[in-house]
């Protein structure tokens, strides 16, 4: 089985639709940072004892369409709950559904993945790029 890889324009349209999708629900979409092993997929519940911090996106989360990516709004500044190393991140929709998992260092860049309880963390820039041919 082969993977369908859309054109750049189609990929950008898919990402814009994703931004609209994550805004569904009565709450705002969130990025939750975790220590420990990343689950195999979003169908597997995250170990909530490993949650380090949760940052909220404004509604609407979409900020801007760029020539080769979309940009989401920056998150709020959230307080880190405990000392540990952020390993992976889950994006949740406003309805609380798991949307996507990201690896810190590969997909999400932090100045320092070692988080300290009581400090604040925010995502100043959230850029999503489509997979293109």
N, C-alpha and C. Protein backbone atom coordinates (compact mmCIF):
# COMPACT_ATOMS: atom_id res chain seq x y z
N UNK A 1 0.85 -1.17 0.00
CA UNK A 1 0.00 0.00 0.00
C UNK A 1 0.89 1.24 0.00
N UNK A 2 0.55 2.20 -0.83
CA UNK A 2 1.35 3.42 -0.89
C UNK A 2 0.61 4.56 -0.21
N UNK A 3 1.36 5.56 0.19
CA UNK A 3 0.82 6.73 0.85
C UNK A 3 0.49 7.79 -0.19
N UNK A 4 -0.65 8.44 -0.04
CA UNK A 4 -1.03 9.53 -0.92
C UNK A 4 -0.37 10.80 -0.39
N UNK A 5 0.42 11.43 -1.23
CA UNK A 5 1.07 12.68 -0.86
C UNK A 5 0.48 13.78 -1.74
N UNK A 6 -0.25 14.71 -1.13
CA UNK A 6 -0.93 15.74 -1.92
C UNK A 6 0.03 16.82 -2.41
N UNK A 7 -0.48 17.64 -3.31
CA UNK A 7 0.27 18.81 -3.76
C UNK A 7 0.40 19.79 -2.59
N UNK A 8 1.26 20.79 -2.74
CA UNK A 8 1.44 21.79 -1.70
C UNK A 8 0.12 22.49 -1.39
N UNK A 9 -0.61 22.93 -2.42
CA UNK A 9 -1.87 23.62 -2.19
C UNK A 9 -2.88 22.74 -1.46
N UNK A 10 -2.97 21.48 -1.86
CA UNK A 10 -3.89 20.55 -1.20
C UNK A 10 -3.45 20.30 0.24
N UNK A 11 -2.15 20.16 0.46
CA UNK A 11 -1.64 19.95 1.82
C UNK A 11 -1.92 21.13 2.73
N UNK A 12 -1.79 22.35 2.20
CA UNK A 12 -2.10 23.55 2.98
C UNK A 12 -3.59 23.61 3.31
N UNK A 13 -4.43 23.22 2.35
CA UNK A 13 -5.88 23.19 2.60
C UNK A 13 -6.21 22.16 3.68
N UNK A 14 -5.52 21.02 3.66
CA UNK A 14 -5.74 20.01 4.71
C UNK A 14 -5.35 20.55 6.08
N UNK A 15 -4.24 21.26 6.15
CA UNK A 15 -3.80 21.81 7.43
C UNK A 15 -4.74 22.91 7.92
N UNK A 16 -5.27 23.72 7.01
CA UNK A 16 -6.25 24.75 7.40
C UNK A 16 -7.50 24.06 7.95
N UNK A 17 -7.94 22.98 7.30
CA UNK A 17 -9.09 22.22 7.79
C UNK A 17 -8.78 21.61 9.16
N UNK A 18 -7.55 21.18 9.38
CA UNK A 18 -7.15 20.65 10.69
C UNK A 18 -7.25 21.74 11.75
N UNK A 19 -6.80 22.95 11.43
CA UNK A 19 -6.89 24.06 12.38
C UNK A 19 -8.35 24.33 12.74
N UNK A 20 -9.23 24.30 11.76
CA UNK A 20 -10.66 24.48 12.03
C UNK A 20 -11.19 23.32 12.88
N UNK A 21 -10.75 22.12 12.59
CA UNK A 21 -11.20 20.92 13.30
C UNK A 21 -10.81 20.96 14.78
N UNK A 22 -9.59 21.38 15.08
CA UNK A 22 -9.16 21.37 16.48
C UNK A 22 -9.91 22.40 17.32
N UNK A 23 -10.49 23.40 16.66
CA UNK A 23 -11.27 24.41 17.38
C UNK A 23 -12.67 23.93 17.76
N UNK A 24 -13.10 22.78 17.23
CA UNK A 24 -14.43 22.27 17.56
C UNK A 24 -14.52 21.92 19.04
N UNK A 25 -15.70 22.07 19.59
CA UNK A 25 -15.92 21.77 20.99
C UNK A 25 -16.06 23.04 21.80
N UNK A 26 -16.49 22.89 23.03
CA UNK A 26 -16.75 24.06 23.86
C UNK A 26 -15.49 24.65 24.49
N UNK A 27 -14.42 23.89 24.53
CA UNK A 27 -13.16 24.37 25.10
C UNK A 27 -12.19 24.75 24.00
N UNK A 28 -11.03 25.24 24.39
CA UNK A 28 -9.98 25.57 23.43
C UNK A 28 -9.08 24.35 23.23
N UNK A 29 -8.45 24.30 22.07
CA UNK A 29 -7.46 23.25 21.80
C UNK A 29 -6.25 23.45 22.72
N UNK A 30 -5.56 22.36 23.04
CA UNK A 30 -4.42 22.43 23.94
C UNK A 30 -3.26 21.57 23.43
N UNK A 31 -2.07 21.96 23.85
CA UNK A 31 -0.86 21.15 23.69
C UNK A 31 -0.47 20.68 25.09
N UNK A 32 -0.41 19.37 25.30
CA UNK A 32 0.00 18.82 26.59
C UNK A 32 1.37 18.15 26.43
N UNK A 33 2.32 18.55 27.27
CA UNK A 33 3.68 18.02 27.24
C UNK A 33 3.81 16.92 28.28
N UNK A 34 4.48 15.82 27.89
CA UNK A 34 4.62 14.65 28.75
C UNK A 34 6.08 14.20 28.83
N UNK A 35 6.43 13.59 29.95
CA UNK A 35 7.69 12.85 30.07
C UNK A 35 7.33 11.40 29.76
N UNK A 36 8.31 10.53 29.74
CA UNK A 36 8.04 9.11 29.50
C UNK A 36 7.87 8.80 28.02
N UNK A 37 7.55 7.54 27.76
CA UNK A 37 7.46 7.06 26.39
C UNK A 37 6.19 7.55 25.70
N UNK A 38 6.33 7.94 24.45
CA UNK A 38 5.18 8.35 23.63
C UNK A 38 4.39 7.11 23.24
N UNK A 39 3.07 7.17 23.37
CA UNK A 39 2.25 6.02 22.93
C UNK A 39 2.44 5.75 21.44
N UNK A 40 2.07 4.56 21.02
CA UNK A 40 2.22 4.16 19.63
C UNK A 40 1.36 5.03 18.69
N UNK A 41 0.21 5.48 19.18
CA UNK A 41 -0.67 6.32 18.37
C UNK A 41 -1.64 7.07 19.27
N UNK A 42 -2.44 7.94 18.68
CA UNK A 42 -3.35 8.78 19.47
C UNK A 42 -4.53 7.99 20.03
N UNK A 43 -4.72 6.76 19.61
CA UNK A 43 -5.79 5.91 20.17
C UNK A 43 -5.42 5.42 21.57
N UNK A 44 -4.14 5.45 21.88
CA UNK A 44 -3.67 5.03 23.20
C UNK A 44 -3.69 6.23 24.14
N UNK A 45 -4.35 6.07 25.26
CA UNK A 45 -4.44 7.16 26.23
C UNK A 45 -3.06 7.53 26.75
N UNK A 46 -2.87 8.82 26.96
CA UNK A 46 -1.61 9.30 27.55
C UNK A 46 -1.61 8.97 29.04
N UNK A 47 -0.43 8.73 29.58
CA UNK A 47 -0.26 8.50 31.02
C UNK A 47 -0.30 9.87 31.69
N UNK A 48 -1.43 10.20 32.30
CA UNK A 48 -1.61 11.53 32.88
C UNK A 48 -0.70 11.80 34.06
N UNK A 49 -0.11 10.77 34.64
CA UNK A 49 0.86 11.00 35.72
C UNK A 49 2.16 11.58 35.17
N UNK A 50 2.32 11.53 33.84
CA UNK A 50 3.53 12.04 33.18
C UNK A 50 3.31 13.42 32.56
N UNK A 51 2.11 13.98 32.71
CA UNK A 51 1.83 15.31 32.13
C UNK A 51 2.61 16.37 32.90
N UNK A 52 3.32 17.21 32.15
CA UNK A 52 4.16 18.24 32.74
C UNK A 52 3.54 19.63 32.69
N UNK A 53 2.88 19.92 31.59
CA UNK A 53 2.28 21.25 31.40
C UNK A 53 1.27 21.17 30.26
N UNK A 54 0.24 21.99 30.34
CA UNK A 54 -0.77 22.07 29.28
C UNK A 54 -0.92 23.53 28.87
N UNK A 55 -0.71 23.79 27.60
CA UNK A 55 -0.84 25.15 27.06
C UNK A 55 -2.06 25.22 26.17
N UNK A 56 -2.77 26.33 26.27
CA UNK A 56 -4.03 26.51 25.56
C UNK A 56 -3.85 27.42 24.35
N UNK A 57 -4.45 27.02 23.24
CA UNK A 57 -4.49 27.86 22.04
C UNK A 57 -5.74 28.74 22.11
N UNK A 58 -5.67 29.96 21.57
CA UNK A 58 -6.89 30.77 21.50
C UNK A 58 -7.82 30.22 20.43
N UNK A 59 -9.08 30.67 20.46
CA UNK A 59 -10.03 30.33 19.40
C UNK A 59 -10.30 31.59 18.61
N UNK A 60 -10.16 31.60 17.32
CA UNK A 60 -9.69 30.49 16.51
C UNK A 60 -8.18 30.29 16.66
N UNK A 61 -7.75 29.06 16.47
CA UNK A 61 -6.32 28.75 16.62
C UNK A 61 -5.53 29.14 15.37
N UNK A 62 -6.20 29.21 14.22
CA UNK A 62 -5.53 29.56 12.97
C UNK A 62 -5.10 31.02 12.98
N UNK A 63 -3.85 31.26 12.57
CA UNK A 63 -3.34 32.63 12.51
C UNK A 63 -3.14 33.09 11.07
N UNK A 64 -2.40 32.27 10.28
CA UNK A 64 -1.97 32.76 8.98
C UNK A 64 -1.63 31.62 8.03
N UNK A 65 -1.98 31.82 6.76
CA UNK A 65 -1.56 30.92 5.70
C UNK A 65 -0.32 31.50 5.06
N UNK A 66 0.76 30.73 5.05
CA UNK A 66 2.02 31.15 4.43
C UNK A 66 2.22 30.34 3.15
N UNK A 67 3.20 30.70 2.31
CA UNK A 67 3.38 29.99 1.04
C UNK A 67 3.61 28.47 1.18
N UNK A 68 4.24 28.03 2.29
CA UNK A 68 4.53 26.59 2.41
C UNK A 68 4.15 26.02 3.77
N UNK A 69 3.35 26.76 4.57
CA UNK A 69 2.93 26.25 5.88
C UNK A 69 1.73 27.05 6.37
N UNK A 70 1.16 26.58 7.48
CA UNK A 70 0.18 27.40 8.17
C UNK A 70 0.73 27.70 9.55
N UNK A 71 0.29 28.83 10.07
CA UNK A 71 0.75 29.22 11.40
C UNK A 71 -0.46 29.29 12.33
N UNK A 72 -0.32 28.70 13.51
CA UNK A 72 -1.34 28.81 14.54
C UNK A 72 -0.98 29.96 15.47
N UNK A 73 -1.95 30.42 16.23
CA UNK A 73 -1.72 31.47 17.22
C UNK A 73 -0.75 30.94 18.28
N UNK A 74 -0.09 31.82 18.99
CA UNK A 74 0.75 31.38 20.10
C UNK A 74 -0.14 30.91 21.24
N UNK A 75 0.39 30.01 22.06
CA UNK A 75 -0.36 29.51 23.20
C UNK A 75 -0.28 30.49 24.36
N UNK A 76 -1.06 30.21 25.39
CA UNK A 76 -0.93 30.97 26.63
C UNK A 76 0.35 30.53 27.34
N UNK A 77 0.75 31.27 28.34
CA UNK A 77 1.88 30.88 29.20
C UNK A 77 1.29 30.04 30.32
N UNK A 78 1.73 28.80 30.42
CA UNK A 78 1.19 27.88 31.42
C UNK A 78 2.27 27.50 32.43
N UNK A 79 1.84 27.19 33.64
CA UNK A 79 2.76 26.82 34.71
C UNK A 79 3.09 25.33 34.63
N UNK A 80 4.38 25.03 34.67
CA UNK A 80 4.86 23.64 34.66
C UNK A 80 4.52 23.01 36.01
N UNK A 81 3.96 21.80 35.95
CA UNK A 81 3.48 21.13 37.16
C UNK A 81 4.55 20.40 37.95
N UNK A 82 5.56 19.85 37.26
CA UNK A 82 6.61 19.11 37.96
C UNK A 82 7.90 19.10 37.17
N UNK A 83 8.99 18.82 37.87
CA UNK A 83 10.32 18.73 37.25
C UNK A 83 10.42 17.44 36.44
N UNK A 84 10.79 17.56 35.18
CA UNK A 84 11.08 16.38 34.35
C UNK A 84 11.44 16.85 32.96
N UNK A 85 11.81 15.91 32.11
CA UNK A 85 12.16 16.22 30.73
C UNK A 85 10.97 15.98 29.83
N UNK A 86 10.60 16.99 29.04
CA UNK A 86 9.52 16.85 28.06
C UNK A 86 10.02 16.00 26.91
N UNK A 87 9.31 14.90 26.66
CA UNK A 87 9.72 13.95 25.62
C UNK A 87 8.78 14.03 24.41
N UNK A 88 7.50 14.19 24.69
CA UNK A 88 6.53 14.22 23.61
C UNK A 88 5.36 15.12 23.98
N UNK A 89 4.55 15.47 22.95
CA UNK A 89 3.46 16.42 23.11
C UNK A 89 2.23 15.87 22.40
N UNK A 90 1.07 16.05 23.02
CA UNK A 90 -0.18 15.67 22.36
C UNK A 90 -1.02 16.93 22.16
N UNK A 91 -1.54 17.07 20.94
CA UNK A 91 -2.48 18.13 20.61
C UNK A 91 -3.89 17.59 20.80
N UNK A 92 -4.67 18.29 21.63
CA UNK A 92 -6.07 17.93 21.88
C UNK A 92 -6.97 18.99 21.29
N UNK A 93 -8.09 18.56 20.73
CA UNK A 93 -9.08 19.50 20.19
C UNK A 93 -9.85 20.16 21.33
N UNK A 94 -10.67 21.13 20.98
CA UNK A 94 -11.52 21.79 21.96
C UNK A 94 -12.55 20.87 22.57
N UNK A 95 -12.79 19.72 21.92
CA UNK A 95 -13.71 18.73 22.49
C UNK A 95 -12.97 17.68 23.31
N UNK A 96 -11.64 17.82 23.42
CA UNK A 96 -10.85 16.90 24.23
C UNK A 96 -10.33 15.68 23.49
N UNK A 97 -10.55 15.60 22.18
CA UNK A 97 -10.07 14.46 21.40
C UNK A 97 -8.58 14.60 21.09
N UNK A 98 -7.86 13.48 21.15
CA UNK A 98 -6.45 13.48 20.75
C UNK A 98 -6.37 13.64 19.24
N UNK A 99 -5.60 14.62 18.80
CA UNK A 99 -5.49 14.93 17.37
C UNK A 99 -4.17 14.44 16.78
N UNK A 100 -3.06 14.73 17.44
CA UNK A 100 -1.74 14.37 16.91
C UNK A 100 -0.73 14.34 18.04
N UNK A 101 0.28 13.51 17.87
CA UNK A 101 1.40 13.44 18.81
C UNK A 101 2.66 13.94 18.12
N UNK A 102 3.50 14.63 18.89
CA UNK A 102 4.74 15.21 18.38
C UNK A 102 5.88 14.81 19.30
N UNK A 103 7.08 14.71 18.75
CA UNK A 103 8.27 14.40 19.53
C UNK A 103 9.03 15.69 19.78
N UNK A 104 9.36 15.96 21.04
CA UNK A 104 10.15 17.13 21.38
C UNK A 104 11.54 16.96 20.79
N UNK A 105 12.02 17.97 20.11
CA UNK A 105 13.33 17.91 19.46
C UNK A 105 13.21 17.61 17.99
N UNK A 106 12.26 16.74 17.61
CA UNK A 106 12.04 16.43 16.19
C UNK A 106 10.96 17.34 15.60
N UNK A 107 9.84 17.43 16.28
CA UNK A 107 8.69 18.19 15.77
C UNK A 107 8.47 19.51 16.51
N UNK A 108 8.86 19.55 17.76
CA UNK A 108 8.69 20.75 18.58
C UNK A 108 10.03 21.11 19.20
N UNK A 109 10.45 22.34 18.94
CA UNK A 109 11.73 22.81 19.47
C UNK A 109 11.50 23.61 20.75
N UNK A 110 12.21 23.23 21.79
CA UNK A 110 12.21 23.98 23.05
C UNK A 110 13.64 24.44 23.31
N UNK A 111 13.78 25.59 23.95
CA UNK A 111 15.12 26.04 24.33
C UNK A 111 15.78 25.01 25.22
N UNK A 112 15.00 24.41 26.12
CA UNK A 112 15.50 23.38 27.02
C UNK A 112 14.34 22.45 27.36
N UNK A 113 14.43 21.16 27.00
CA UNK A 113 13.34 20.24 27.29
C UNK A 113 13.23 19.85 28.77
N UNK A 114 14.23 20.21 29.57
CA UNK A 114 14.18 19.92 31.01
C UNK A 114 13.32 21.01 31.65
N UNK A 115 12.12 20.64 32.09
CA UNK A 115 11.18 21.61 32.63
C UNK A 115 11.25 21.62 34.16
N UNK A 116 11.03 22.79 34.73
CA UNK A 116 11.13 22.99 36.17
C UNK A 116 9.76 23.40 36.70
N UNK A 117 9.30 22.69 37.74
CA UNK A 117 8.01 22.99 38.34
C UNK A 117 7.94 24.44 38.77
N UNK A 118 6.81 25.08 38.48
CA UNK A 118 6.61 26.47 38.85
C UNK A 118 7.03 27.47 37.79
N UNK A 119 7.85 27.03 36.83
CA UNK A 119 8.23 27.92 35.73
C UNK A 119 7.08 27.97 34.73
N UNK A 120 7.15 28.89 33.78
CA UNK A 120 6.11 28.98 32.75
C UNK A 120 6.69 28.59 31.40
N UNK A 121 5.80 28.09 30.56
CA UNK A 121 6.18 27.66 29.22
C UNK A 121 5.08 28.08 28.28
N UNK A 122 5.45 28.54 27.09
CA UNK A 122 4.49 28.84 26.05
C UNK A 122 5.12 28.55 24.70
N UNK A 123 4.26 28.34 23.71
CA UNK A 123 4.73 28.16 22.34
C UNK A 123 4.49 29.49 21.63
N UNK A 124 5.57 30.19 21.32
CA UNK A 124 5.47 31.49 20.66
C UNK A 124 5.10 31.35 19.19
N UNK A 125 5.53 30.26 18.59
CA UNK A 125 5.31 30.05 17.16
C UNK A 125 4.93 28.59 16.94
N UNK A 126 3.79 28.39 16.29
CA UNK A 126 3.35 27.04 15.96
C UNK A 126 3.16 27.00 14.45
N UNK A 127 4.09 26.32 13.77
CA UNK A 127 4.09 26.22 12.31
C UNK A 127 3.83 24.76 11.94
N UNK A 128 2.85 24.53 11.07
CA UNK A 128 2.56 23.19 10.58
C UNK A 128 2.84 23.17 9.07
N UNK A 129 3.64 22.18 8.66
CA UNK A 129 4.01 22.05 7.26
C UNK A 129 3.41 20.77 6.70
N UNK A 130 2.87 20.85 5.47
CA UNK A 130 2.33 19.63 4.86
C UNK A 130 3.45 18.74 4.34
N UNK A 131 3.16 17.46 4.25
CA UNK A 131 4.06 16.52 3.57
C UNK A 131 3.76 16.68 2.09
N UNK A 132 4.79 17.02 1.32
CA UNK A 132 4.58 17.24 -0.12
C UNK A 132 5.54 16.39 -0.94
N UNK A 133 5.23 16.30 -2.21
CA UNK A 133 6.06 15.51 -3.11
C UNK A 133 7.38 16.21 -3.40
